[in-house]
Amino acid sequence: PEPEDDEYYWLDLEGLSVINLDGITLGVVDSIMETGANDVLVV
């Protein structure tokens, strides 16, 4: 099903470039870990 606004499937986030507020590229989302409290991007 189509995700709601501001919702994403993990598979859509994997492979995205991660850039900080200063414009520095930190890497690419390799995977996402489910931790219970908050999911965590593995960059």
PDB file of all heavy atoms in Angstrom:
ATOM      1  N   PRO A   1       0.839  -1.196   0.000  1.00  0.00           N
ATOM      2  CA  PRO A   1       0.000   0.000   0.000  1.00  0.00           C
ATOM      3  C   PRO A   1       0.878   1.253   0.000  1.00  0.00           C
ATOM      4  O   PRO A   1       2.010   1.223   0.485  1.00  0.00           O
ATOM      5  CB  PRO A   1      -0.796  -0.114   1.309  1.00  0.00           C
ATOM      6  CG  PRO A   1      -0.029  -1.049   2.167  1.00  0.00           C
ATOM      7  CD  PRO A   1       0.747  -1.949   1.247  1.00  0.00           C
ATOM      8  N   GLU A   2       0.351   2.331  -0.541  1.00  0.00           N
ATOM      9  CA  GLU A   2       1.094   3.589  -0.543  1.00  0.00           C
ATOM     10  C   GLU A   2       1.242   4.083   0.894  1.00  0.00           C
ATOM     11  O   GLU A   2       0.267   4.077   1.647  1.00  0.00           O
ATOM     12  CB  GLU A   2       0.369   4.646  -1.375  1.00  0.00           C
ATOM     13  CG  GLU A   2       0.526   4.457  -2.860  1.00  0.00           C
ATOM     14  CD  GLU A   2       1.974   4.521  -3.323  1.00  0.00           C
ATOM     15  OE1 GLU A   2       2.710   5.436  -2.911  1.00  0.00           O
ATOM     16  OE2 GLU A   2       2.376   3.637  -4.101  1.00  0.00           O
ATOM     17  N   PRO A   3       2.440   4.493   1.279  1.00  0.00           N
ATOM     18  CA  PRO A   3       2.614   5.014   2.643  1.00  0.00           C
ATOM     19  C   PRO A   3       1.926   6.369   2.786  1.00  0.00           C
ATOM     20  O   PRO A   3       1.727   7.089   1.803  1.00  0.00           O
ATOM     21  CB  PRO A   3       4.132   5.142   2.793  1.00  0.00           C
ATOM     22  CG  PRO A   3       4.659   5.206   1.403  1.00  0.00           C
ATOM     23  CD  PRO A   3       3.688   4.473   0.532  1.00  0.00           C
ATOM     24  N   GLU A   4       1.556   6.685   4.011  1.00  0.00           N
ATOM     25  CA  GLU A   4       0.966   7.989   4.306  1.00  0.00           C
ATOM     26  C   GLU A   4       2.027   9.068   4.114  1.00  0.00           C
ATOM     27  O   GLU A   4       3.215   8.779   4.018  1.00  0.00           O
ATOM     28  CB  GLU A   4       0.458   8.008   5.754  1.00  0.00           C
ATOM     29  CG  GLU A   4      -0.621   6.967   6.054  1.00  0.00           C
ATOM     30  CD  GLU A   4      -1.929   7.242   5.344  1.00  0.00           C
ATOM     31  OE1 GLU A   4      -2.288   8.425   5.196  1.00  0.00           O
ATOM     32  OE2 GLU A   4      -2.585   6.270   4.925  1.00  0.00           O
ATOM     33  N   ASP A   5       1.589  10.329   4.093  1.00  0.00           N
ATOM     34  CA  ASP A   5       2.545  11.438   4.015  1.00  0.00           C
ATOM     35  C   ASP A   5       3.512  11.344   5.178  1.00  0.00           C
ATOM     36  O   ASP A   5       3.113  11.058   6.307  1.00  0.00           O
ATOM     37  CB  ASP A   5       1.814  12.785   4.056  1.00  0.00           C
ATOM     38  CG  ASP A   5       1.026  13.048   2.777  1.00  0.00           C
ATOM     39  OD1 ASP A   5       1.328  12.417   1.756  1.00  0.00           O
ATOM     40  OD2 ASP A   5       0.115  13.889   2.809  1.00  0.00           O
ATOM     41  N   ASP A   6       4.776  11.608   4.919  1.00  0.00           N
ATOM     42  CA  ASP A   6       5.838  11.559   5.928  1.00  0.00           C
ATOM     43  C   ASP A   6       6.060  10.158   6.500  1.00  0.00           C
ATOM     44  O   ASP A   6       6.616  10.014   7.582  1.00  0.00           O
ATOM     45  CB  ASP A   6       5.601  12.565   7.057  1.00  0.00           C
ATOM     46  CG  ASP A   6       5.666  13.995   6.547  1.00  0.00           C
ATOM     47  OD1 ASP A   6       6.441  14.246   5.604  1.00  0.00           O
ATOM     48  OD2 ASP A   6       4.948  14.849   7.089  1.00  0.00           O
ATOM     49  N   GLU A   7       5.607   9.116   5.814  1.00  0.00           N
ATOM     50  CA  GLU A   7       5.926   7.732   6.166  1.00  0.00           C
ATOM     51  C   GLU A   7       6.702   7.136   4.999  1.00  0.00           C
ATOM     52  O   GLU A   7       6.473   7.484   3.840  1.00  0.00           O
ATOM     53  CB  GLU A   7       4.662   6.907   6.421  1.00  0.00           C
ATOM     54  CG  GLU A   7       3.940   7.253   7.683  1.00  0.00           C
ATOM     55  CD  GLU A   7       2.773   6.312   7.952  1.00  0.00           C
ATOM     56  OE1 GLU A   7       2.366   5.545   7.061  1.00  0.00           O
ATOM     57  OE2 GLU A   7       2.270   6.363   9.069  1.00  0.00           O
ATOM     58  N   TYR A   8       7.626   6.225   5.341  1.00  0.00           N
ATOM     59  CA  TYR A   8       8.486   5.647   4.318  1.00  0.00           C
ATOM     60  C   TYR A   8       8.691   4.171   4.606  1.00  0.00           C
ATOM     61  O   TYR A   8       8.750   3.751   5.757  1.00  0.00           O
ATOM     62  CB  TYR A   8       9.864   6.340   4.309  1.00  0.00           C
ATOM     63  CG  TYR A   8       9.749   7.835   4.147  1.00  0.00           C
ATOM     64  CD1 TYR A   8       9.688   8.682   5.240  1.00  0.00           C
ATOM     65  CD2 TYR A   8       9.680   8.392   2.875  1.00  0.00           C
ATOM     66  CE1 TYR A   8       9.560  10.051   5.089  1.00  0.00           C
ATOM     67  CE2 TYR A   8       9.557   9.760   2.705  1.00  0.00           C
ATOM     68  CZ  TYR A   8       9.495  10.582   3.813  1.00  0.00           C
ATOM     69  OH  TYR A   8       9.358  11.936   3.658  1.00  0.00           O
ATOM     70  N   TYR A   9       8.821   3.402   3.560  1.00  0.00           N
ATOM     71  CA  TYR A   9       9.238   2.020   3.708  1.00  0.00           C
ATOM     72  C   TYR A   9      10.756   2.014   3.850  1.00  0.00           C
ATOM     73  O   TYR A   9      11.453   2.801   3.201  1.00  0.00           O
ATOM     74  CB  TYR A   9       8.832   1.174   2.493  1.00  0.00           C
ATOM     75  CG  TYR A   9       7.355   0.890   2.443  1.00  0.00           C
ATOM     76  CD1 TYR A   9       6.547   1.452   1.464  1.00  0.00           C
ATOM     77  CD2 TYR A   9       6.767   0.058   3.379  1.00  0.00           C
ATOM     78  CE1 TYR A   9       5.189   1.182   1.412  1.00  0.00           C
ATOM     79  CE2 TYR A   9       5.407  -0.222   3.344  1.00  0.00           C
ATOM     80  CZ  TYR A   9       4.629   0.348   2.353  1.00  0.00           C
ATOM     81  OH  TYR A   9       3.290   0.077   2.320  1.00  0.00           O
ATOM     82  N   TRP A  10      11.267   1.120   4.691  1.00  0.00           N
ATOM     83  CA  TRP A  10      12.704   1.012   4.877  1.00  0.00           C
ATOM     84  C   TRP A  10      13.410   0.831   3.540  1.00  0.00           C
ATOM     85  O   TRP A  10      14.455   1.409   3.296  1.00  0.00           O
ATOM     86  CB  TRP A  10      13.039  -0.137   5.801  1.00  0.00           C
ATOM     87  CG  TRP A  10      12.799   0.120   7.250  1.00  0.00           C
ATOM     88  CD1 TRP A  10      12.145   1.173   7.824  1.00  0.00           C
ATOM     89  CD2 TRP A  10      13.215  -0.703   8.333  1.00  0.00           C
ATOM     90  NE1 TRP A  10      12.122   1.047   9.182  1.00  0.00           N
ATOM     91  CE2 TRP A  10      12.772  -0.111   9.527  1.00  0.00           C
ATOM     92  CE3 TRP A  10      13.914  -1.895   8.399  1.00  0.00           C
ATOM     93  CZ2 TRP A  10      13.018  -0.655  10.774  1.00  0.00           C
ATOM     94  CZ3 TRP A  10      14.146  -2.448   9.650  1.00  0.00           C
ATOM     95  CH2 TRP A  10      13.712  -1.823  10.819  1.00  0.00           C
ATOM     96  N   LEU A  11      12.843   0.026   2.678  1.00  0.00           N
ATOM     97  CA  LEU A  11      13.502  -0.247   1.402  1.00  0.00           C
ATOM     98  C   LEU A  11      13.653   1.014   0.571  1.00  0.00           C
ATOM     99  O   LEU A  11      14.537   1.108  -0.271  1.00  0.00           O
ATOM    100  CB  LEU A  11      12.779  -1.339   0.620  1.00  0.00           C
ATOM    101  CG  LEU A  11      11.399  -1.011   0.068  1.00  0.00           C
ATOM    102  CD1 LEU A  11      11.486  -0.835  -1.428  1.00  0.00           C
ATOM    103  CD2 LEU A  11      10.461  -2.157   0.378  1.00  0.00           C
ATOM    104  N   ASP A  12      12.793   2.029   0.805  1.00  0.00           N
ATOM    105  CA  ASP A  12      12.924   3.281   0.079  1.00  0.00           C
ATOM    106  C   ASP A  12      14.040   4.154   0.630  1.00  0.00           C
ATOM    107  O   ASP A  12      14.562   5.021  -0.067  1.00  0.00           O
ATOM    108  CB  ASP A  12      11.612   4.065   0.122  1.00  0.00           C
ATOM    109  CG  ASP A  12      10.503   3.380  -0.657  1.00  0.00           C
ATOM    110  OD1 ASP A  12      10.815   2.622  -1.597  1.00  0.00           O
ATOM    111  OD2 ASP A  12       9.321   3.596  -0.322  1.00  0.00           O
ATOM    112  N   LEU A  13      14.399   3.951   1.897  1.00  0.00           N
ATOM    113  CA  LEU A  13      15.453   4.750   2.517  1.00  0.00           C
ATOM    114  C   LEU A  13      16.839   4.174   2.268  1.00  0.00           C
ATOM    115  O   LEU A  13      17.822   4.916   2.213  1.00  0.00           O
ATOM    116  CB  LEU A  13      15.213   4.866   4.024  1.00  0.00           C
ATOM    117  CG  LEU A  13      13.886   5.523   4.446  1.00  0.00           C
ATOM    118  CD1 LEU A  13      13.782   5.574   5.963  1.00  0.00           C
ATOM    119  CD2 LEU A  13      13.730   6.898   3.836  1.00  0.00           C
ATOM    120  N   GLU A  14      16.920   2.858   2.119  1.00  0.00           N
ATOM    121  CA  GLU A  14      18.221   2.222   1.886  1.00  0.00           C
ATOM    122  C   GLU A  14      18.790   2.695   0.550  1.00  0.00           C
ATOM    123  O   GLU A  14      18.105   2.719  -0.455  1.00  0.00           O
ATOM    124  CB  GLU A  14      18.093   0.705   1.927  1.00  0.00           C
ATOM    125  CG  GLU A  14      17.770   0.201   3.326  1.00  0.00           C
ATOM    126  CD  GLU A  14      17.474  -1.293   3.380  1.00  0.00           C
ATOM    127  OE1 GLU A  14      17.416  -1.950   2.322  1.00  0.00           O
ATOM    128  OE2 GLU A  14      17.285  -1.788   4.499  1.00  0.00           O
ATOM    129  N   GLY A  15      20.040   3.128   0.594  1.00  0.00           N
ATOM    130  CA  GLY A  15      20.708   3.617  -0.605  1.00  0.00           C
ATOM    131  C   GLY A  15      20.670   5.131  -0.758  1.00  0.00           C
ATOM    132  O   GLY A  15      21.345   5.674  -1.636  1.00  0.00           O
ATOM    133  N   LEU A  16      19.897   5.823   0.094  1.00  0.00           N
ATOM    134  CA  LEU A  16      19.861   7.284   0.005  1.00  0.00           C
ATOM    135  C   LEU A  16      21.133   7.888   0.584  1.00  0.00           C
ATOM    136  O   LEU A  16      21.697   7.371   1.549  1.00  0.00           O
ATOM    137  CB  LEU A  16      18.650   7.846   0.755  1.00  0.00           C
ATOM    138  CG  LEU A  16      17.263   7.476   0.227  1.00  0.00           C
ATOM    139  CD1 LEU A  16      16.189   8.205   1.040  1.00  0.00           C
ATOM    140  CD2 LEU A  16      17.122   7.790  -1.250  1.00  0.00           C
ATOM    141  N   SER A  17      21.573   9.000   0.010  1.00  0.00           N
ATOM    142  CA  SER A  17      22.724   9.742   0.535  1.00  0.00           C
ATOM    143  C   SER A  17      22.295  10.501   1.777  1.00  0.00           C
ATOM    144  O   SER A  17      21.206  11.068   1.814  1.00  0.00           O
ATOM    145  CB  SER A  17      23.243  10.734  -0.496  1.00  0.00           C
ATOM    146  OG  SER A  17      23.781  10.058  -1.600  1.00  0.00           O
ATOM    147  N   VAL A  18      23.174  10.514   2.773  1.00  0.00           N
ATOM    148  CA  VAL A  18      22.910  11.225   4.023  1.00  0.00           C
ATOM    149  C   VAL A  18      23.841  12.423   4.091  1.00  0.00           C
ATOM    150  O   VAL A  18      25.061  12.283   4.020  1.00  0.00           O
ATOM    151  CB  VAL A  18      23.102  10.295   5.238  1.00  0.00           C
ATOM    152  CG1 VAL A  18      22.852  11.057   6.533  1.00  0.00           C
ATOM    153  CG2 VAL A  18      22.170   9.089   5.128  1.00  0.00           C
ATOM    154  N   ILE A  19      23.235  13.617   4.220  1.00  0.00           N
ATOM    155  CA  ILE A  19      23.972  14.875   4.224  1.00  0.00           C
ATOM    156  C   ILE A  19      23.585  15.631   5.486  1.00  0.00           C
ATOM    157  O   ILE A  19      22.406  15.723   5.823  1.00  0.00           O
ATOM    158  CB  ILE A  19      23.616  15.702   2.971  1.00  0.00           C
ATOM    159  CG1 ILE A  19      23.910  14.886   1.718  1.00  0.00           C
ATOM    160  CG2 ILE A  19      24.345  17.034   2.959  1.00  0.00           C
ATOM    161  CD1 ILE A  19      23.324  15.436   0.447  1.00  0.00           C
ATOM    162  N   ASN A  20      24.580  16.199   6.165  1.00  0.00           N
ATOM    163  CA  ASN A  20      24.236  16.952   7.376  1.00  0.00           C
ATOM    164  C   ASN A  20      23.848  18.382   7.018  1.00  0.00           C
ATOM    165  O   ASN A  20      23.907  18.793   5.849  1.00  0.00           O
ATOM    166  CB  ASN A  20      25.331  16.867   8.444  1.00  0.00           C
ATOM    167  CG  ASN A  20      26.535  17.717   8.163  1.00  0.00           C
ATOM    168  OD1 ASN A  20      26.612  18.425   7.167  1.00  0.00           O
ATOM    169  ND2 ASN A  20      27.497  17.650   9.058  1.00  0.00           N
ATOM    170  N   LEU A  21      23.437  19.146   8.022  1.00  0.00           N
ATOM    171  CA  LEU A  21      22.952  20.515   7.802  1.00  0.00           C
ATOM    172  C   LEU A  21      24.023  21.446   7.231  1.00  0.00           C
ATOM    173  O   LEU A  21      23.696  22.474   6.632  1.00  0.00           O
ATOM    174  CB  LEU A  21      22.387  21.092   9.099  1.00  0.00           C
ATOM    175  CG  LEU A  21      21.144  20.393   9.643  1.00  0.00           C
ATOM    176  CD1 LEU A  21      20.755  20.946  11.002  1.00  0.00           C
ATOM    177  CD2 LEU A  21      19.986  20.485   8.655  1.00  0.00           C
ATOM    178  N   ASP A  22      25.298  21.075   7.389  1.00  0.00           N
ATOM    179  CA  ASP A  22      26.398  21.867   6.831  1.00  0.00           C
ATOM    180  C   ASP A  22      26.743  21.453   5.402  1.00  0.00           C
ATOM    181  O   ASP A  22      27.702  21.977   4.822  1.00  0.00           O
ATOM    182  CB  ASP A  22      27.640  21.738   7.720  1.00  0.00           C
ATOM    183  CG  ASP A  22      27.433  22.319   9.104  1.00  0.00           C
ATOM    184  OD1 ASP A  22      26.714  23.342   9.218  1.00  0.00           O
ATOM    185  OD2 ASP A  22      27.981  21.754  10.073  1.00  0.00           O
ATOM    186  N   GLY A  23      25.981  20.504   4.841  1.00  0.00           N
ATOM    187  CA  GLY A  23      26.224  20.066   3.470  1.00  0.00           C
ATOM    188  C   GLY A  23      27.288  19.003   3.330  1.00  0.00           C
ATOM    189  O   GLY A  23      27.704  18.690   2.216  1.00  0.00           O
ATOM    190  N   ILE A  24      27.733  18.434   4.437  1.00  0.00           N
ATOM    191  CA  ILE A  24      28.768  17.393   4.401  1.00  0.00           C
ATOM    192  C   ILE A  24      28.095  16.034   4.195  1.00  0.00           C
ATOM    193  O   ILE A  24      27.193  15.660   4.953  1.00  0.00           O
ATOM    194  CB  ILE A  24      29.595  17.389   5.700  1.00  0.00           C
ATOM    195  CG1 ILE A  24      30.301  18.727   5.865  1.00  0.00           C
ATOM    196  CG2 ILE A  24      30.589  16.223   5.713  1.00  0.00           C
ATOM    197  CD1 ILE A  24      30.945  18.920   7.226  1.00  0.00           C
ATOM    198  N   THR A  25      28.542  15.313   3.187  1.00  0.00           N
ATOM    199  CA  THR A  25      28.000  13.981   2.927  1.00  0.00           C
ATOM    200  C   THR A  25      28.606  13.002   3.922  1.00  0.00           C
ATOM    201  O   THR A  25      29.829  12.869   4.013  1.00  0.00           O
ATOM    202  CB  THR A  25      28.302  13.531   1.480  1.00  0.00           C
ATOM    203  OG1 THR A  25      27.698  14.467   0.583  1.00  0.00           O
ATOM    204  CG2 THR A  25      27.758  12.140   1.219  1.00  0.00           C
ATOM    205  N   LEU A  26      27.727  12.340   4.666  1.00  0.00           N
ATOM    206  CA  LEU A  26      28.166  11.388   5.685  1.00  0.00           C
ATOM    207  C   LEU A  26      28.245   9.961   5.152  1.00  0.00           C
ATOM    208  O   LEU A  26      28.894   9.115   5.759  1.00  0.00           O
ATOM    209  CB  LEU A  26      27.225  11.433   6.892  1.00  0.00           C
ATOM    210  CG  LEU A  26      27.074  12.803   7.561  1.00  0.00           C
ATOM    211  CD1 LEU A  26      26.060  12.726   8.690  1.00  0.00           C
ATOM    212  CD2 LEU A  26      28.410  13.303   8.061  1.00  0.00           C
ATOM    213  N   GLY A  27      27.564   9.686   4.069  1.00  0.00           N
ATOM    214  CA  GLY A  27      27.562   8.350   3.501  1.00  0.00           C
ATOM    215  C   GLY A  27      26.202   8.003   2.931  1.00  0.00           C
ATOM    216  O   GLY A  27      25.419   8.879   2.573  1.00  0.00           O
ATOM    217  N   VAL A  28      25.943   6.706   2.883  1.00  0.00           N
ATOM    218  CA  VAL A  28      24.722   6.171   2.296  1.00  0.00           C
ATOM    219  C   VAL A  28      24.061   5.258   3.307  1.00  0.00           C
ATOM    220  O   VAL A  28      24.739   4.521   4.035  1.00  0.00           O
ATOM    221  CB  VAL A  28      25.067   5.384   1.005  1.00  0.00           C
ATOM    222  CG1 VAL A  28      23.863   4.687   0.425  1.00  0.00           C
ATOM    223  CG2 VAL A  28      25.689   6.311  -0.026  1.00  0.00           C
ATOM    224  N   VAL A  29      22.718   5.284   3.361  1.00  0.00           N
ATOM    225  CA  VAL A  29      21.989   4.383   4.257  1.00  0.00           C
ATOM    226  C   VAL A  29      22.211   2.958   3.768  1.00  0.00           C
ATOM    227  O   VAL A  29      21.798   2.590   2.667  1.00  0.00           O
ATOM    228  CB  VAL A  29      20.482   4.719   4.306  1.00  0.00           C
ATOM    229  CG1 VAL A  29      19.750   3.711   5.196  1.00  0.00           C
ATOM    230  CG2 VAL A  29      20.248   6.135   4.798  1.00  0.00           C
ATOM    231  N   ASP A  30      22.887   2.160   4.581  1.00  0.00           N
ATOM    232  CA  ASP A  30      23.164   0.763   4.252  1.00  0.00           C
ATOM    233  C   ASP A  30      22.023  -0.130   4.705  1.00  0.00           C
ATOM    234  O   ASP A  30      21.623  -1.051   4.005  1.00  0.00           O
ATOM    235  CB  ASP A  30      24.472   0.316   4.909  1.00  0.00           C
ATOM    236  CG  ASP A  30      24.806  -1.116   4.609  1.00  0.00           C
ATOM    237  OD1 ASP A  30      25.088  -1.411   3.425  1.00  0.00           O
ATOM    238  OD2 ASP A  30      24.760  -1.953   5.534  1.00  0.00           O
ATOM    239  N   SER A  31      21.500   0.150   5.895  1.00  0.00           N
ATOM    240  CA  SER A  31      20.399  -0.635   6.455  1.00  0.00           C
ATOM    241  C   SER A  31      19.758   0.167   7.571  1.00  0.00           C
ATOM    242  O   SER A  31      20.219   1.254   7.910  1.00  0.00           O
ATOM    243  CB  SER A  31      20.907  -1.985   6.972  1.00  0.00           C
ATOM    244  OG  SER A  31      21.863  -1.793   7.999  1.00  0.00           O
ATOM    245  N   ILE A  32      18.717  -0.397   8.138  1.00  0.00           N
ATOM    246  CA  ILE A  32      18.021   0.235   9.253  1.00  0.00           C
ATOM    247  C   ILE A  32      17.835  -0.820  10.326  1.00  0.00           C
ATOM    248  O   ILE A  32      17.406  -1.943  10.042  1.00  0.00           O
ATOM    249  CB  ILE A  32      16.676   0.824   8.809  1.00  0.00           C
ATOM    250  CG1 ILE A  32      16.919   1.850   7.698  1.00  0.00           C
ATOM    251  CG2 ILE A  32      15.944   1.467   9.984  1.00  0.00           C
ATOM    252  CD1 ILE A  32      15.689   2.346   7.002  1.00  0.00           C
ATOM    253  N   MET A  33      18.186  -0.458  11.558  1.00  0.00           N
ATOM    254  CA  MET A  33      18.041  -1.376  12.694  1.00  0.00           C
ATOM    255  C   MET A  33      16.813  -0.995  13.494  1.00  0.00           C
ATOM    256  O   MET A  33      16.583   0.186  13.772  1.00  0.00           O
ATOM    257  CB  MET A  33      19.257  -1.294  13.625  1.00  0.00           C
ATOM    258  CG  MET A  33      20.530  -1.813  13.060  1.00  0.00           C
ATOM    259  SD  MET A  33      21.862  -1.930  14.299  1.00  0.00           S
ATOM    260  CE  MET A  33      21.854  -0.336  15.076  1.00  0.00           C
ATOM    261  N   GLU A  34      16.065  -2.005  13.875  1.00  0.00           N
ATOM    262  CA  GLU A  34      14.934  -1.803  14.762  1.00  0.00           C
ATOM    263  C   GLU A  34      15.435  -2.024  16.180  1.00  0.00           C
ATOM    264  O   GLU A  34      15.936  -3.101  16.504  1.00  0.00           O
ATOM    265  CB  GLU A  34      13.826  -2.790  14.408  1.00  0.00           C
ATOM    266  CG  GLU A  34      12.543  -2.549  15.123  1.00  0.00           C
ATOM    267  CD  GLU A  34      11.440  -3.467  14.633  1.00  0.00           C
ATOM    268  OE1 GLU A  34      11.681  -4.313  13.761  1.00  0.00           O
ATOM    269  OE2 GLU A  34      10.325  -3.335  15.152  1.00  0.00           O
ATOM    270  N   THR A  35      15.342  -1.005  17.034  1.00  0.00           N
ATOM    271  CA  THR A  35      15.898  -1.120  18.382  1.00  0.00           C
ATOM    272  C   THR A  35      14.834  -1.171  19.474  1.00  0.00           C
ATOM    273  O   THR A  35      15.148  -1.381  20.626  1.00  0.00           O
ATOM    274  CB  THR A  35      16.828   0.070  18.689  1.00  0.00           C
ATOM    275  OG1 THR A  35      16.055   1.274  18.683  1.00  0.00           O
ATOM    276  CG2 THR A  35      17.959   0.158  17.687  1.00  0.00           C
ATOM    277  N   GLY A  36      13.593  -0.942  19.116  1.00  0.00           N
ATOM    278  CA  GLY A  36      12.537  -0.909  20.125  1.00  0.00           C
ATOM    279  C   GLY A  36      12.104   0.512  20.397  1.00  0.00           C
ATOM    280  O   GLY A  36      10.943   0.852  20.259  1.00  0.00           O
ATOM    281  N   ALA A  37      13.032   1.368  20.807  1.00  0.00           N
ATOM    282  CA  ALA A  37      12.684   2.761  21.085  1.00  0.00           C
ATOM    283  C   ALA A  37      12.596   3.549  19.779  1.00  0.00           C
ATOM    284  O   ALA A  37      11.547   4.074  19.432  1.00  0.00           O
ATOM    285  CB  ALA A  37      13.719   3.383  22.013  1.00  0.00           C
ATOM    286  N   ASN A  38      13.683   3.635  19.071  1.00  0.00           N
ATOM    287  CA  ASN A  38      13.743   4.343  17.782  1.00  0.00           C
ATOM    288  C   ASN A  38      14.496   3.472  16.796  1.00  0.00           C
ATOM    289  O   ASN A  38      15.473   2.825  17.155  1.00  0.00           O
ATOM    290  CB  ASN A  38      14.495   5.676  17.910  1.00  0.00           C
ATOM    291  CG  ASN A  38      13.813   6.645  18.829  1.00  0.00           C
ATOM    292  OD1 ASN A  38      12.640   6.945  18.660  1.00  0.00           O
ATOM    293  ND2 ASN A  38      14.538   7.131  19.819  1.00  0.00           N
ATOM    294  N   ASP A  39      14.057   3.511  15.549  1.00  0.00           N
ATOM    295  CA  ASP A  39      14.836   2.847  14.513  1.00  0.00           C
ATOM    296  C   ASP A  39      16.125   3.642  14.323  1.00  0.00           C
ATOM    297  O   ASP A  39      16.197   4.827  14.649  1.00  0.00           O
ATOM    298  CB  ASP A  39      14.053   2.788  13.207  1.00  0.00           C
ATOM    299  CG  ASP A  39      12.786   1.947  13.333  1.00  0.00           C
ATOM    300  OD1 ASP A  39      12.763   1.025  14.159  1.00  0.00           O
ATOM    301  OD2 ASP A  39      11.825   2.221  12.604  1.00  0.00           O
ATOM    302  N   VAL A  40      17.152   2.981  13.814  1.00  0.00           N
ATOM    303  CA  VAL A  40      18.457   3.615  13.651  1.00  0.00           C
ATOM    304  C   VAL A  40      18.945   3.389  12.221  1.00  0.00           C
ATOM    305  O   VAL A  40      18.966   2.258  11.731  1.00  0.00           O
ATOM    306  CB  VAL A  40      19.487   3.028  14.661  1.00  0.00           C
ATOM    307  CG1 VAL A  40      20.877   3.594  14.419  1.00  0.00           C
ATOM    308  CG2 VAL A  40      19.031   3.280  16.093  1.00  0.00           C
ATOM    309  N   LEU A  41      19.323   4.496  11.557  1.00  0.00           N
ATOM    310  CA  LEU A  41      19.914   4.407  10.230  1.00  0.00           C
ATOM    311  C   LEU A  41      21.371   3.978  10.366  1.00  0.00           C
ATOM    312  O   LEU A  41      22.129   4.583  11.134  1.00  0.00           O
ATOM    313  CB  LEU A  41      19.872   5.759   9.519  1.00  0.00           C
ATOM    314  CG  LEU A  41      18.514   6.405   9.277  1.00  0.00           C
ATOM    315  CD1 LEU A  41      18.713   7.766   8.604  1.00  0.00           C
ATOM    316  CD2 LEU A  41      17.621   5.523   8.445  1.00  0.00           C
ATOM    317  N   VAL A  42      21.768   2.955   9.639  1.00  0.00           N
ATOM    318  CA  VAL A  42      23.169   2.543   9.568  1.00  0.00           C
ATOM    319  C   VAL A  42      23.719   3.187   8.300  1.00  0.00           C
ATOM    320  O   VAL A  42      23.355   2.807   7.187  1.00  0.00           O
ATOM    321  CB  VAL A  42      23.321   1.011   9.528  1.00  0.00           C
ATOM    322  CG1 VAL A  42      24.786   0.623   9.407  1.00  0.00           C
ATOM    323  CG2 VAL A  42      22.671   0.370  10.745  1.00  0.00           C
ATOM    324  N   VAL A  43      24.561   4.198   8.504  1.00  0.00           N
ATOM    325  CA  VAL A  43      25.088   4.996   7.398  1.00  0.00           C
ATOM    326  C   VAL A  43      26.545   4.623   7.192  1.00  0.00           C
ATOM    327  O   VAL A  43      27.358   4.712   8.117  1.00  0.00           O
ATOM    328  CB  VAL A  43      24.939   6.512   7.700  1.00  0.00           C
ATOM    329  CG1 VAL A  43      25.527   7.341   6.568  1.00  0.00           C
ATOM    330  CG2 VAL A  43      23.480   6.857   7.935  1.00  0.00           C
TER     331      VAL A  43
END
